Amino acid sequence: MPAKMRNFPRYIIGAVCLIMGWVSVSSAHPHMWVDLKSQIILDDNDKVSAIYQEWLFDDFFSAAMLEEAALHPDGVESAIKQKVAELMENLKPYNYFTLAKRDGVTLPLIQLGGAVAEIRENRVWMRFTVSIESPVDLAAQAFSYAIFDPTYYIEMYHAEGETISFQGNAPDNCGTEILQPNPSADAIALSRSSSLDANPDNTIGRLFAETIRVTCT
């Protein structure tokens, strides 16, 4: 661990601090990185009912988490499971960092089952599913979602070349696309401001987030 450490900002304390209470000092956002995979789940009526997600945390955060987990009396595996369960509980008020919309209206999300976590090539990996209470009819309604930390403390992107698939029978004329962010010069300048750590801005993350959109022709 680096000699010089500091606490997470207040917003991230609610979501991540129970996993690891400190990260390395840096003057610009983001401070952590997550590689994403996601999939759109359809119900028996071919409506969007849930979003499956995989998060792969960056090397440094994973190393710090594993160092702490090694001290757990029940072993690393039990510690990781416990910390990820705590993380999911703290992400609940923030819709699990997932902004899903039907016809432009934000949808509340509910975690479906528990999160599964493991170590993959020395990086912490987890998967979980969030469900939509009232499924989306792709034949009549527009659907999109984005996965991001509103403060941009954590950068979260799908891997280059990643595609978003359907689990279930999607209408033949429907496909998906990942729209890349296009932040303004002002937004980029703000992201480089050290003041964000002391005064988190809950609007900046959306400016740097991908948008996954379902298009039906």
Protein backbone atom coordinates (compact mmCIF):
# COMPACT_ATOMS: atom_id res chain seq x y z
CA MET A 1 0.00 0.00 0.00
CA PRO A 2 1.31 3.51 -0.77
CA ALA A 3 2.59 5.43 2.23
CA LYS A 4 0.36 8.40 1.62
CA MET A 5 -3.36 7.49 1.91
CA ARG A 6 -6.67 9.25 2.33
CA ASN A 7 -10.35 8.51 2.88
CA PHE A 8 -12.95 8.19 0.16
CA PRO A 9 -15.11 11.29 -0.39
CA ARG A 10 -18.47 11.34 1.37
CA TYR A 11 -20.59 10.09 -1.53
CA ILE A 12 -18.40 7.07 -2.16
CA ILE A 13 -18.27 6.22 1.54
CA GLY A 14 -21.93 5.21 1.20
CA ALA A 15 -21.21 2.87 -1.69
CA VAL A 16 -17.64 1.60 -1.45
CA CYS A 17 -16.02 2.44 1.90
CA LEU A 18 -17.17 -0.79 3.52
CA ILE A 19 -14.98 -2.65 1.05
CA MET A 20 -11.84 -0.56 1.39
CA GLY A 21 -11.45 2.67 3.32
CA TRP A 22 -8.66 4.29 1.30
CA VAL A 23 -7.10 4.63 -2.11
CA SER A 24 -4.01 6.36 -3.49
CA VAL A 25 -3.86 10.12 -3.72
CA SER A 26 -4.61 11.57 -7.13
CA SER A 27 -5.52 15.06 -8.23
CA ALA A 28 -7.99 14.14 -10.98
CA HIS A 29 -11.01 11.91 -11.37
CA PRO A 30 -11.45 9.03 -11.80
CA HIS A 31 -9.60 7.27 -8.97
CA MET A 32 -10.91 3.75 -9.60
CA TRP A 33 -11.79 1.75 -12.70
CA VAL A 34 -14.31 -1.00 -13.40
CA ASP A 35 -14.52 -3.07 -16.58
CA LEU A 36 -18.14 -3.86 -17.38
CA LYS A 37 -20.16 -6.54 -19.09
CA SER A 38 -23.94 -6.39 -19.26
CA GLN A 39 -26.86 -8.16 -20.86
CA ILE A 40 -30.53 -7.33 -21.32
CA ILE A 41 -32.86 -9.98 -19.92
CA LEU A 42 -36.30 -10.54 -21.43
CA ASP A 43 -39.22 -12.28 -19.74
CA ASP A 44 -41.57 -14.88 -21.22
CA ASN A 45 -43.56 -12.09 -22.87
CA ASP A 46 -40.41 -10.81 -24.64
CA LYS A 47 -40.32 -7.67 -22.48
CA VAL A 48 -37.21 -6.25 -20.78
CA SER A 49 -37.39 -7.42 -17.17
CA ALA A 50 -33.80 -7.12 -15.89
CA ILE A 51 -30.20 -6.12 -16.57
CA TYR A 52 -27.41 -8.61 -15.86
CA GLN A 53 -24.06 -7.05 -14.94
CA GLU A 54 -20.43 -8.06 -14.36
CA TRP A 55 -17.96 -5.70 -12.66
CA LEU A 56 -14.20 -6.32 -12.76
CA PHE A 57 -12.33 -3.96 -10.41
CA ASP A 58 -8.95 -2.48 -11.25
CA ASP A 59 -5.63 -3.98 -10.11
CA PHE A 60 -4.88 -1.51 -7.34
CA PHE A 61 -8.31 -1.59 -5.71
CA SER A 62 -8.35 -5.38 -5.99
CA ALA A 63 -4.91 -5.64 -4.37
CA ALA A 64 -5.98 -3.39 -1.50
CA MET A 65 -9.18 -5.34 -1.00
CA LEU A 66 -7.32 -8.67 -1.04
CA GLU A 67 -4.77 -7.37 1.45
CA GLU A 68 -7.57 -6.49 3.83
CA ALA A 69 -9.42 -9.75 3.14
CA ALA A 70 -6.31 -11.76 4.03
CA LEU A 71 -6.76 -10.62 7.63
CA HIS A 72 -10.29 -12.01 7.89
CA PRO A 73 -10.53 -14.94 10.34
CA ASP A 74 -12.70 -16.96 7.94
CA GLY A 75 -10.37 -16.53 4.97
CA VAL A 76 -10.16 -14.45 1.83
CA GLU A 77 -13.14 -15.98 0.06
CA SER A 78 -15.50 -15.32 2.96
CA ALA A 79 -14.17 -11.78 3.34
CA ILE A 80 -14.72 -10.96 -0.33
CA LYS A 81 -18.27 -12.29 -0.25
CA GLN A 82 -19.02 -10.27 2.87
CA LYS A 83 -17.58 -7.05 1.48
CA VAL A 84 -19.40 -7.40 -1.85
CA ALA A 85 -22.69 -8.02 -0.01
CA GLU A 86 -22.06 -4.80 1.95
CA LEU A 87 -21.26 -2.96 -1.26
CA MET A 88 -24.52 -4.06 -2.89
CA GLU A 89 -26.50 -2.96 0.16
CA ASN A 90 -24.90 0.47 0.02
CA LEU A 91 -25.47 0.78 -3.72
CA LYS A 92 -29.21 0.20 -3.29
CA PRO A 93 -30.13 3.88 -2.67
CA TYR A 94 -28.27 4.77 -5.90
CA ASN A 95 -30.12 2.24 -8.09
CA TYR A 96 -26.94 0.14 -8.14
CA PHE A 97 -25.18 2.83 -10.23
CA THR A 98 -27.60 1.93 -13.03
CA LEU A 99 -29.78 4.49 -14.77
CA ALA A 100 -32.47 2.65 -16.75
CA LYS A 101 -35.10 4.57 -18.70
CA ARG A 102 -38.38 3.76 -20.42
CA ASP A 103 -39.47 6.47 -22.87
CA GLY A 104 -37.07 8.82 -21.09
CA VAL A 105 -38.47 8.14 -17.60
CA THR A 106 -36.11 6.70 -14.96
CA LEU A 107 -37.03 3.24 -13.71
CA PRO A 108 -36.51 2.05 -10.11
CA LEU A 109 -34.47 -1.15 -9.90
CA ILE A 110 -34.40 -4.05 -7.47
CA GLN A 111 -31.53 -6.48 -6.96
CA LEU A 112 -32.56 -9.95 -8.09
CA GLY A 113 -30.95 -12.52 -5.79
CA GLY A 114 -27.50 -12.01 -4.33
CA ALA A 115 -24.22 -10.91 -5.87
CA VAL A 116 -21.57 -13.50 -6.70
CA ALA A 117 -17.89 -12.56 -6.28
CA GLU A 118 -14.57 -14.25 -6.99
CA ILE A 119 -10.93 -13.47 -7.80
CA ARG A 120 -9.96 -13.54 -11.47
CA GLU A 121 -6.25 -13.11 -12.25
CA ASN A 122 -5.76 -11.17 -9.00
CA ARG A 123 -8.70 -8.86 -9.70
CA VAL A 124 -12.00 -8.78 -7.80
CA TRP A 125 -14.90 -9.76 -10.05
CA MET A 126 -18.61 -9.79 -9.24
CA ARG A 127 -21.90 -10.36 -11.01
CA PHE A 128 -25.46 -9.47 -10.14
CA THR A 129 -28.81 -8.74 -11.75
CA VAL A 130 -31.18 -5.83 -11.23
CA SER A 131 -34.82 -6.25 -12.15
CA ILE A 132 -37.42 -3.83 -13.49
CA GLU A 133 -40.73 -4.00 -11.63
CA SER A 134 -42.80 -3.16 -14.72
CA PRO A 135 -41.15 -4.77 -17.79
CA VAL A 136 -40.50 -2.71 -20.91
CA ASP A 137 -42.32 -3.56 -24.15
CA LEU A 138 -39.69 -3.00 -26.83
CA ALA A 139 -42.33 -3.03 -29.56
CA ALA A 140 -43.95 0.10 -28.15
CA GLN A 141 -41.49 1.70 -25.69
CA ALA A 142 -37.96 3.08 -25.94
CA PHE A 143 -35.41 1.55 -23.54
CA SER A 144 -31.90 2.61 -22.57
CA TYR A 145 -29.57 2.32 -19.60
CA ALA A 146 -26.21 3.55 -18.34
CA ILE A 147 -23.94 2.16 -15.62
CA PHE A 148 -21.83 4.80 -13.88
CA ASP A 149 -20.78 6.43 -10.62
CA PRO A 150 -22.58 9.82 -10.52
CA THR A 151 -19.48 11.50 -9.02
CA TYR A 152 -17.10 9.99 -11.62
CA TYR A 153 -14.90 8.83 -8.76
CA ILE A 154 -15.10 5.43 -10.44
CA GLU A 155 -14.85 5.12 -14.22
CA MET A 156 -17.03 2.31 -15.56
CA TYR A 157 -16.89 1.23 -19.21
CA HIS A 158 -17.58 -1.83 -21.30
CA ALA A 159 -14.45 -3.21 -22.96
CA GLU A 160 -13.67 -1.96 -26.45
CA GLY A 161 -15.57 -4.06 -28.97
CA GLU A 162 -17.99 -5.37 -26.35
CA THR A 163 -21.55 -5.91 -27.57
CA ILE A 164 -24.79 -5.99 -25.59
CA SER A 165 -26.86 -9.10 -26.15
CA PHE A 166 -30.35 -10.20 -25.19
CA GLN A 167 -31.17 -13.14 -22.97
CA GLY A 168 -34.50 -14.28 -24.31
CA ASN A 169 -36.43 -13.73 -27.52
CA ALA A 170 -35.98 -10.15 -28.63
CA PRO A 171 -38.07 -8.83 -31.54
CA ASP A 172 -36.30 -9.50 -34.84
CA ASN A 173 -36.10 -5.81 -35.66
CA CYS A 174 -34.44 -4.81 -32.36
CA GLY A 175 -30.74 -4.35 -31.74
CA THR A 176 -28.43 -2.65 -29.24
CA GLU A 177 -25.73 -0.04 -29.45
CA ILE A 178 -23.25 1.47 -26.99
CA LEU A 179 -23.18 5.24 -27.34
CA GLN A 180 -19.87 6.71 -26.21
CA PRO A 181 -19.80 9.83 -24.00
CA ASN A 182 -18.84 13.17 -25.45
CA PRO A 183 -18.04 15.41 -22.46
CA SER A 184 -17.50 19.11 -23.05
CA ALA A 185 -14.20 20.86 -22.41
CA ASP A 186 -15.73 22.34 -19.25
CA ALA A 187 -16.70 18.87 -17.99
CA ILE A 188 -13.20 17.55 -18.62
CA ALA A 189 -11.70 20.52 -16.79
CA LEU A 190 -14.05 19.92 -13.85
CA SER A 191 -13.08 16.24 -13.71
CA ARG A 192 -9.46 17.30 -13.26
CA SER A 193 -10.24 19.53 -10.31
CA SER A 194 -8.92 18.35 -6.95
CA SER A 195 -11.88 20.10 -5.30
CA LEU A 196 -14.17 17.24 -6.37
CA ASP A 197 -12.84 15.05 -3.59
CA ALA A 198 -13.90 17.50 -0.91
CA ASN A 199 -17.08 18.57 -2.73
CA PRO A 200 -18.39 15.69 -4.88
CA ASP A 201 -20.52 16.66 -7.87
CA ASN A 202 -23.31 14.11 -8.40
CA THR A 203 -23.95 15.33 -11.96
CA ILE A 204 -20.53 14.91 -13.52
CA GLY A 205 -20.52 11.12 -13.84
CA ARG A 206 -23.38 11.07 -16.34
CA LEU A 207 -21.34 13.28 -18.67
CA PHE A 208 -18.65 10.58 -18.89
CA ALA A 209 -20.98 7.56 -19.03
CA GLU A 210 -21.76 5.25 -21.91
CA THR A 211 -25.42 4.84 -22.87
CA ILE A 212 -26.73 1.45 -23.99
CA ARG A 213 -29.73 1.94 -26.24
CA VAL A 214 -32.13 -0.54 -27.77
CA THR A 215 -33.17 0.44 -31.28
CA CYS A 216 -36.12 -1.22 -33.00
CA THR A 217 -36.69 -0.40 -36.66
